Amino acid sequence: MKNITVSIHEELYRKARVRASELDTSVSAVVREFLSRFAGEETDYDRRKRLERETLDSIDTFRGSNRLTRDEAHDRDALR
């Protein structure tokens, strides 16, 4: 386990100690829980990779023959 040093105002530390005491825990435990949640949050990259996987998984079948012809692709009525 790593130790970290955080500088905060004395009044904030006092309030945090009181609040932690009310919750029957310690300031260290509260900070550890916060950092666990913070580090565990999904990053933008992870979210995009997850969405990509979900999208690819949702595609049942794909065939090249399902594509529009060149004429259909350029005809505005074909896309409606």
Protein backbone atom coordinates (compact mmCIF):
# COMPACT_ATOMS: atom_id res chain seq x y z
CA MET A 1 0.00 0.00 0.00
CA LYS A 2 1.30 3.46 -0.92
CA ASN A 3 1.18 6.50 1.32
CA ILE A 4 0.36 9.90 -0.15
CA THR A 5 0.60 13.40 1.27
CA VAL A 6 -2.15 15.91 0.63
CA SER A 7 -2.05 19.51 1.82
CA ILE A 8 -5.37 21.01 2.90
CA HIS A 9 -6.45 23.87 5.14
CA GLU A 10 -6.74 23.05 8.83
CA GLU A 11 -10.43 23.93 8.93
CA LEU A 12 -11.19 21.55 6.06
CA TYR A 13 -9.27 18.78 7.82
CA ARG A 14 -11.16 19.44 11.06
CA LYS A 15 -14.52 19.26 9.25
CA ALA A 16 -13.46 16.10 7.44
CA ARG A 17 -12.44 14.44 10.72
CA VAL A 18 -15.78 15.35 12.31
CA ARG A 19 -17.73 14.05 9.31
CA ALA A 20 -15.70 10.85 9.15
CA SER A 21 -16.27 10.34 12.86
CA GLU A 22 -20.01 10.72 12.34
CA LEU A 23 -19.80 7.99 9.72
CA ASP A 24 -17.71 5.81 12.06
CA THR A 25 -14.73 5.85 9.71
CA SER A 26 -11.47 7.74 9.20
CA VAL A 27 -10.40 10.51 6.85
CA SER A 28 -7.93 8.08 5.29
CA ALA A 29 -10.72 5.59 4.57
CA VAL A 30 -12.86 8.33 3.02
CA VAL A 31 -9.98 9.47 0.79
CA ARG A 32 -9.18 5.85 -0.13
CA GLU A 33 -12.83 5.27 -1.13
CA PHE A 34 -12.88 8.49 -3.17
CA LEU A 35 -9.67 7.57 -5.00
CA SER A 36 -10.94 4.05 -5.66
CA ARG A 37 -14.06 5.43 -7.30
CA PHE A 38 -12.12 8.17 -9.09
CA ALA A 39 -9.57 5.74 -10.53
CA GLY A 40 -12.26 3.24 -11.43
CA GLU A 41 -14.31 5.65 -13.51
CA GLU A 42 -14.52 4.90 -17.19
CA THR A 43 -12.20 7.08 -19.25
CA ASP A 44 -13.34 8.60 -22.52
CA TYR A 45 -11.13 6.11 -24.39
CA ASP A 46 -12.60 3.17 -22.46
CA ARG A 47 -16.14 4.43 -23.10
CA ARG A 48 -15.50 4.71 -26.83
CA LYS A 49 -13.96 1.23 -26.98
CA ARG A 50 -16.95 -0.18 -25.07
CA LEU A 51 -19.39 1.54 -27.45
CA GLU A 52 -17.45 0.20 -30.43
CA ARG A 53 -17.63 -3.36 -29.04
CA GLU A 54 -21.35 -3.00 -28.31
CA THR A 55 -22.01 -1.66 -31.81
CA LEU A 56 -20.04 -4.43 -33.50
CA ASP A 57 -21.71 -7.05 -31.31
CA SER A 58 -25.14 -5.73 -32.28
CA ILE A 59 -24.52 -6.37 -35.99
CA ASP A 60 -25.99 -9.79 -36.74
CA THR A 61 -24.93 -10.20 -40.32
CA PHE A 62 -23.25 -8.11 -42.93
CA ARG A 63 -23.07 -8.89 -46.60
CA GLY A 64 -21.47 -6.88 -49.34
CA SER A 65 -24.57 -7.56 -51.41
CA ASN A 66 -26.63 -5.51 -48.92
CA ARG A 67 -24.97 -2.32 -50.12
CA LEU A 68 -26.61 0.18 -52.43
CA THR A 69 -25.45 0.33 -56.01
CA ARG A 70 -23.57 3.42 -57.13
CA ASP A 71 -26.69 4.73 -58.87
CA GLU A 72 -28.88 4.09 -55.79
CA ALA A 73 -26.38 5.81 -53.50
CA HIS A 74 -26.44 8.96 -55.61
CA ASP A 75 -30.22 8.97 -56.10
CA ARG A 76 -31.84 10.99 -53.30
CA ASP A 77 -35.08 9.00 -53.57
CA ALA A 78 -33.26 5.71 -52.87
CA LEU A 79 -32.28 6.86 -49.37
CA ARG A 80 -35.80 7.70 -48.20
